[in-house]
Every structure is written in structure tokens, then in C-alpha cells.
């Protein structure tokens, strides 16, 4: 499950980088997605990764 938490964390980081790059660029995206949608996805990924690590910490004790 720790591997899954790392994957979710990686997806959140990639999504955050995409959101920043889209915010800095002037032209619209191909799919019509706004940077705020990528930012919301990255926040959800970070919250899920934190929850997974907390649950893993409680299981290990």
C-alpha cells in the first residue's frame, strides 16, 4: 500500500507541475481543461497520499 501512496503522490506532483505550466502559458489547452482543474486533482492526490500514510502508520504499531 505504500507503493500505491507513492504513485498517488507522484501523480499529484505531476498534476501540480502541469497546472503551473498551464498558468504561465497564454494559449488554451487542447482538451479545454483549466489550470484550476489540475490544481484540484493534485490537492486530492496529496490528501489521499497523506491518508494512506497515516493508515499505514497506525497498522504498523
PDB file of N, CA and C in Angstrom:
ATOM      1  N   UNK A   1       0.822  -1.189   0.000  1.00  0.00           N
ATOM      2  CA  UNK A   1       0.000   0.000   0.000  1.00  0.00           C
ATOM      3  C   UNK A   1       0.864   1.251   0.000  1.00  0.00           C
ATOM      4  N   UNK A   2       2.094   1.130   0.522  1.00  0.00           N
ATOM      5  CA  UNK A   2       2.986   2.274   0.491  1.00  0.00           C
ATOM      6  C   UNK A   2       3.382   2.606  -0.941  1.00  0.00           C
ATOM      7  N   UNK A   3       3.495   1.605  -1.778  1.00  0.00           N
ATOM      8  CA  UNK A   3       3.790   1.836  -3.190  1.00  0.00           C
ATOM      9  C   UNK A   3       2.670   2.602  -3.873  1.00  0.00           C
ATOM     10  N   UNK A   4       1.441   2.277  -3.516  1.00  0.00           N
ATOM     11  CA  UNK A   4       0.294   2.994  -4.075  1.00  0.00           C
ATOM     12  C   UNK A   4       0.282   4.445  -3.605  1.00  0.00           C
ATOM     13  N   UNK A   5       0.649   4.677  -2.354  1.00  0.00           N
ATOM     14  CA  UNK A   5       0.732   6.049  -1.838  1.00  0.00           C
ATOM     15  C   UNK A   5       1.795   6.834  -2.588  1.00  0.00           C
ATOM     16  N   UNK A   6       2.907   6.189  -2.923  1.00  0.00           N
ATOM     17  CA  UNK A   6       3.953   6.869  -3.693  1.00  0.00           C
ATOM     18  C   UNK A   6       3.486   7.184  -5.106  1.00  0.00           C
ATOM     19  N   UNK A   7       2.716   6.306  -5.701  1.00  0.00           N
ATOM     20  CA  UNK A   7       2.191   6.551  -7.043  1.00  0.00           C
ATOM     21  C   UNK A   7       1.219   7.721  -7.030  1.00  0.00           C
ATOM     22  N   UNK A   8       0.350   7.751  -6.023  1.00  0.00           N
ATOM     23  CA  UNK A   8      -0.613   8.851  -5.910  1.00  0.00           C
ATOM     24  C   UNK A   8       0.115  10.170  -5.665  1.00  0.00           C
ATOM     25  N   UNK A   9       1.156  10.139  -4.834  1.00  0.00           N
ATOM     26  CA  UNK A   9       1.951  11.338  -4.588  1.00  0.00           C
ATOM     27  C   UNK A   9       2.633  11.806  -5.870  1.00  0.00           C
ATOM     28  N   UNK A  10       3.162  10.888  -6.650  1.00  0.00           N
ATOM     29  CA  UNK A  10       3.784  11.239  -7.926  1.00  0.00           C
ATOM     30  C   UNK A  10       2.785  11.851  -8.900  1.00  0.00           C
ATOM     31  N   UNK A  11       1.581  11.293  -8.940  1.00  0.00           N
ATOM     32  CA  UNK A  11       0.547  11.851  -9.810  1.00  0.00           C
ATOM     33  C   UNK A  11       0.176  13.262  -9.377  1.00  0.00           C
ATOM     34  N   UNK A  12       0.145  13.495  -8.075  1.00  0.00           N
ATOM     35  CA  UNK A  12      -0.143  14.834  -7.571  1.00  0.00           C
ATOM     36  C   UNK A  12       0.936  15.832  -7.943  1.00  0.00           C
ATOM     37  N   UNK A  13       2.186  15.411  -7.863  1.00  0.00           N
ATOM     38  CA  UNK A  13       3.292  16.302  -8.225  1.00  0.00           C
ATOM     39  C   UNK A  13       3.256  16.622  -9.715  1.00  0.00           C
ATOM     40  N   UNK A  14       3.021  15.620 -10.542  1.00  0.00           N
ATOM     41  CA  UNK A  14       2.940  15.852 -11.989  1.00  0.00           C
ATOM     42  C   UNK A  14       1.779  16.794 -12.324  1.00  0.00           C
ATOM     43  N   UNK A  15       0.659  16.584 -11.675  1.00  0.00           N
ATOM     44  CA  UNK A  15      -0.504  17.428 -11.916  1.00  0.00           C
ATOM     45  C   UNK A  15      -0.245  18.868 -11.476  1.00  0.00           C
ATOM     46  N   UNK A  16       0.459  19.038 -10.370  1.00  0.00           N
ATOM     47  CA  UNK A  16       0.794  20.384  -9.897  1.00  0.00           C
ATOM     48  C   UNK A  16       1.729  21.088 -10.867  1.00  0.00           C
ATOM     49  N   UNK A  17       2.697  20.369 -11.401  1.00  0.00           N
ATOM     50  CA  UNK A  17       3.623  20.964 -12.384  1.00  0.00           C
ATOM     51  C   UNK A  17       2.866  21.360 -13.651  1.00  0.00           C
ATOM     52  N   UNK A  18       1.961  20.512 -14.107  1.00  0.00           N
ATOM     53  CA  UNK A  18       1.158  20.831 -15.286  1.00  0.00           C
ATOM     54  C   UNK A  18       0.311  22.074 -15.033  1.00  0.00           C
ATOM     55  N   UNK A  19      -0.269  22.180 -13.832  1.00  0.00           N
ATOM     56  CA  UNK A  19      -1.097  23.341 -13.501  1.00  0.00           C
ATOM     57  C   UNK A  19      -0.279  24.622 -13.530  1.00  0.00           C
ATOM     58  N   UNK A  20       0.933  24.579 -12.996  1.00  0.00           N
ATOM     59  CA  UNK A  20       1.794  25.771 -13.003  1.00  0.00           C
ATOM     60  C   UNK A  20       2.193  26.137 -14.421  1.00  0.00           C
ATOM     61  N   UNK A  21       2.542  25.155 -15.220  1.00  0.00           N
ATOM     62  CA  UNK A  21       2.938  25.431 -16.606  1.00  0.00           C
ATOM     63  C   UNK A  21       1.776  25.989 -17.414  1.00  0.00           C
ATOM     64  N   UNK A  22       0.584  25.457 -17.197  1.00  0.00           N
ATOM     65  CA  UNK A  22      -0.583  25.976 -17.913  1.00  0.00           C
ATOM     66  C   UNK A  22      -0.934  27.383 -17.467  1.00  0.00           C
ATOM     67  N   UNK A  23      -0.716  27.685 -16.191  1.00  0.00           N
ATOM     68  CA  UNK A  23      -0.991  29.029 -15.696  1.00  0.00           C
ATOM     69  C   UNK A  23      -0.024  30.038 -16.316  1.00  0.00           C
ATOM     70  N   UNK A  24       1.217  29.613 -16.534  1.00  0.00           N
ATOM     71  CA  UNK A  24       2.217  30.518 -17.109  1.00  0.00           C
ATOM     72  C   UNK A  24       2.056  30.689 -18.611  1.00  0.00           C
ATOM     73  N   UNK A  25       1.516  29.691 -19.291  1.00  0.00           N
ATOM     74  CA  UNK A  25       1.331  29.798 -20.739  1.00  0.00           C
ATOM     75  C   UNK A  25       0.075  30.602 -21.038  1.00  0.00           C
ATOM     76  N   UNK A  26       0.069  31.213 -22.193  1.00  0.00           N
ATOM     77  CA  UNK A  26      -1.042  32.086 -22.564  1.00  0.00           C
ATOM     78  C   UNK A  26      -2.088  31.342 -23.387  1.00  0.00           C
ATOM     79  N   UNK A  27      -1.653  30.358 -24.164  1.00  0.00           N
ATOM     80  CA  UNK A  27      -2.588  29.674 -25.053  1.00  0.00           C
ATOM     81  C   UNK A  27      -3.421  28.627 -24.312  1.00  0.00           C
ATOM     82  N   UNK A  28      -4.650  28.395 -24.748  1.00  0.00           N
ATOM     83  CA  UNK A  28      -5.521  27.419 -24.070  1.00  0.00           C
ATOM     84  C   UNK A  28      -5.061  25.989 -24.338  1.00  0.00           C
ATOM     85  N   UNK A  29      -5.509  25.068 -23.496  1.00  0.00           N
ATOM     86  CA  UNK A  29      -5.128  23.666 -23.659  1.00  0.00           C
ATOM     87  C   UNK A  29      -5.980  23.000 -24.729  1.00  0.00           C
ATOM     88  N   UNK A  30      -5.532  21.851 -25.162  1.00  0.00           N
ATOM     89  CA  UNK A  30      -6.220  21.127 -26.231  1.00  0.00           C
ATOM     90  C   UNK A  30      -7.565  20.604 -25.756  1.00  0.00           C
ATOM     91  N   UNK A  31      -7.607  20.077 -24.545  1.00  0.00           N
ATOM     92  CA  UNK A  31      -8.831  19.470 -24.037  1.00  0.00           C
ATOM     93  C   UNK A  31      -9.768  20.477 -23.388  1.00  0.00           C
ATOM     94  N   UNK A  32      -9.350  21.715 -23.271  1.00  0.00           N
ATOM     95  CA  UNK A  32     -10.178  22.736 -22.657  1.00  0.00           C
ATOM     96  C   UNK A  32     -10.136  22.719 -21.140  1.00  0.00           C
ATOM     97  N   UNK A  33      -9.168  22.021 -20.562  1.00  0.00           N
ATOM     98  CA  UNK A  33      -9.051  21.965 -19.106  1.00  0.00           C
ATOM     99  C   UNK A  33      -8.338  23.212 -18.595  1.00  0.00           C
ATOM    100  N   UNK A  34      -8.820  23.724 -17.477  1.00  0.00           N
ATOM    101  CA  UNK A  34      -8.214  24.900 -16.876  1.00  0.00           C
ATOM    102  C   UNK A  34      -7.157  24.481 -15.859  1.00  0.00           C
ATOM    103  N   UNK A  35      -6.207  25.364 -15.569  1.00  0.00           N
ATOM    104  CA  UNK A  35      -5.200  25.017 -14.561  1.00  0.00           C
ATOM    105  C   UNK A  35      -5.803  24.704 -13.193  1.00  0.00           C
ATOM    106  N   UNK A  36      -6.937  25.312 -12.871  1.00  0.00           N
ATOM    107  CA  UNK A  36      -7.555  25.047 -11.571  1.00  0.00           C
ATOM    108  C   UNK A  36      -8.046  23.600 -11.456  1.00  0.00           C
ATOM    109  N   UNK A  37      -8.416  22.983 -12.572  1.00  0.00           N
ATOM    110  CA  UNK A  37      -8.836  21.580 -12.511  1.00  0.00           C
ATOM    111  C   UNK A  37      -7.648  20.672 -12.200  1.00  0.00           C
ATOM    112  N   UNK A  38      -6.485  20.986 -12.762  1.00  0.00           N
ATOM    113  CA  UNK A  38      -5.285  20.223 -12.433  1.00  0.00           C
ATOM    114  C   UNK A  38      -4.882  20.459 -10.981  1.00  0.00           C
ATOM    115  N   UNK A  39      -5.044  21.685 -10.514  1.00  0.00           N
ATOM    116  CA  UNK A  39      -4.714  22.006  -9.132  1.00  0.00           C
ATOM    117  C   UNK A  39      -5.638  21.257  -8.171  1.00  0.00           C
ATOM    118  N   UNK A  40      -6.910  21.200  -8.475  1.00  0.00           N
ATOM    119  CA  UNK A  40      -7.849  20.446  -7.637  1.00  0.00           C
ATOM    120  C   UNK A  40      -7.519  18.961  -7.607  1.00  0.00           C
ATOM    121  N   UNK A  41      -7.124  18.406  -8.751  1.00  0.00           N
ATOM    122  CA  UNK A  41      -6.739  16.997  -8.796  1.00  0.00           C
ATOM    123  C   UNK A  41      -5.490  16.746  -7.960  1.00  0.00           C
ATOM    124  N   UNK A  42      -4.519  17.662  -8.034  1.00  0.00           N
ATOM    125  CA  UNK A  42      -3.292  17.471  -7.258  1.00  0.00           C
ATOM    126  C   UNK A  42      -3.572  17.566  -5.760  1.00  0.00           C
ATOM    127  N   UNK A  43      -4.473  18.454  -5.346  1.00  0.00           N
ATOM    128  CA  UNK A  43      -4.833  18.552  -3.930  1.00  0.00           C
ATOM    129  C   UNK A  43      -5.488  17.253  -3.461  1.00  0.00           C
ATOM    130  N   UNK A  44      -6.358  16.693  -4.284  1.00  0.00           N
ATOM    131  CA  UNK A  44      -6.999  15.425  -3.934  1.00  0.00           C
ATOM    132  C   UNK A  44      -5.969  14.299  -3.833  1.00  0.00           C
ATOM    133  N   UNK A  45      -5.002  14.272  -4.737  1.00  0.00           N
ATOM    134  CA  UNK A  45      -3.956  13.243  -4.688  1.00  0.00           C
ATOM    135  C   UNK A  45      -3.106  13.380  -3.430  1.00  0.00           C
ATOM    136  N   UNK A  46      -2.748  14.621  -3.071  1.00  0.00           N
ATOM    137  CA  UNK A  46      -1.940  14.821  -1.876  1.00  0.00           C
ATOM    138  C   UNK A  46      -2.704  14.401  -0.619  1.00  0.00           C
ATOM    139  N   UNK A  47      -3.990  14.735  -0.545  1.00  0.00           N
ATOM    140  CA  UNK A  47      -4.793  14.350   0.615  1.00  0.00           C
ATOM    141  C   UNK A  47      -4.918  12.826   0.703  1.00  0.00           C
ATOM    142  N   UNK A  48      -5.111  12.166  -0.436  1.00  0.00           N
ATOM    143  CA  UNK A  48      -5.204  10.705  -0.446  1.00  0.00           C
ATOM    144  C   UNK A  48      -3.884  10.068  -0.020  1.00  0.00           C
ATOM    145  N   UNK A  49      -2.768  10.598  -0.495  1.00  0.00           N
ATOM    146  CA  UNK A  49      -1.463  10.051  -0.122  1.00  0.00           C
ATOM    147  C   UNK A  49      -1.212  10.226   1.377  1.00  0.00           C
ATOM    148  N   UNK A  50      -1.585  11.376   1.928  1.00  0.00           N
ATOM    149  CA  UNK A  50      -1.418  11.602   3.365  1.00  0.00           C
ATOM    150  C   UNK A  50      -2.279  10.613   4.151  1.00  0.00           C
ATOM    151  N   UNK A  51      -3.515  10.418   3.723  1.00  0.00           N
ATOM    152  CA  UNK A  51      -4.402   9.483   4.416  1.00  0.00           C
ATOM    153  C   UNK A  51      -3.858   8.061   4.369  1.00  0.00           C
ATOM    154  N   UNK A  52      -3.299   7.668   3.242  1.00  0.00           N
ATOM    155  CA  UNK A  52      -2.740   6.319   3.123  1.00  0.00           C
ATOM    156  C   UNK A  52      -1.548   6.136   4.053  1.00  0.00           C
ATOM    157  N   UNK A  53      -0.690   7.133   4.141  1.00  0.00           N
ATOM    158  CA  UNK A  53       0.485   7.027   5.008  1.00  0.00           C
ATOM    159  C   UNK A  53       0.063   6.993   6.481  1.00  0.00           C
ATOM    160  N   UNK A  54      -0.955   7.775   6.841  1.00  0.00           N
ATOM    161  CA  UNK A  54      -1.440   7.755   8.225  1.00  0.00           C
ATOM    162  C   UNK A  54      -2.013   6.392   8.571  1.00  0.00           C
ATOM    163  N   UNK A  55      -2.775   5.814   7.669  1.00  0.00           N
ATOM    164  CA  UNK A  55      -3.344   4.484   7.919  1.00  0.00           C
ATOM    165  C   UNK A  55      -2.227   3.443   8.021  1.00  0.00           C
ATOM    166  N   UNK A  56      -1.216   3.540   7.189  1.00  0.00           N
ATOM    167  CA  UNK A  56      -0.101   2.606   7.255  1.00  0.00           C
ATOM    168  C   UNK A  56       0.653   2.746   8.567  1.00  0.00           C
ATOM    169  N   UNK A  57       0.786   3.974   9.063  1.00  0.00           N
ATOM    170  CA  UNK A  57       1.465   4.190  10.329  1.00  0.00           C
ATOM    171  C   UNK A  57       0.721   3.576  11.486  1.00  0.00           C
ATOM    172  N   UNK A  58      -0.596   3.601  11.454  1.00  0.00           N
ATOM    173  CA  UNK A  58      -1.392   3.015  12.534  1.00  0.00           C
ATOM    174  C   UNK A  58      -1.390   1.490  12.460  1.00  0.00           C
ATOM    175  N   UNK A  59      -1.284   0.938  11.255  1.00  0.00           N
ATOM    176  CA  UNK A  59      -1.262  -0.520  11.113  1.00  0.00           C
ATOM    177  C   UNK A  59       0.063  -1.102  11.581  1.00  0.00           C
ATOM    178  N   UNK A  60       1.139  -0.334  11.436  1.00  0.00           N
ATOM    179  CA  UNK A  60       2.457  -0.833  11.799  1.00  0.00           C
ATOM    180  C   UNK A  60       2.706  -0.894  13.283  1.00  0.00           C
ATOM    181  N   UNK A  61       1.919  -0.187  14.087  1.00  0.00           N
ATOM    182  CA  UNK A  61       2.153  -0.158  15.537  1.00  0.00           C
ATOM    183  C   UNK A  61       1.425  -1.235  16.264  1.00  0.00           C
TER     184      UNK A  61
END
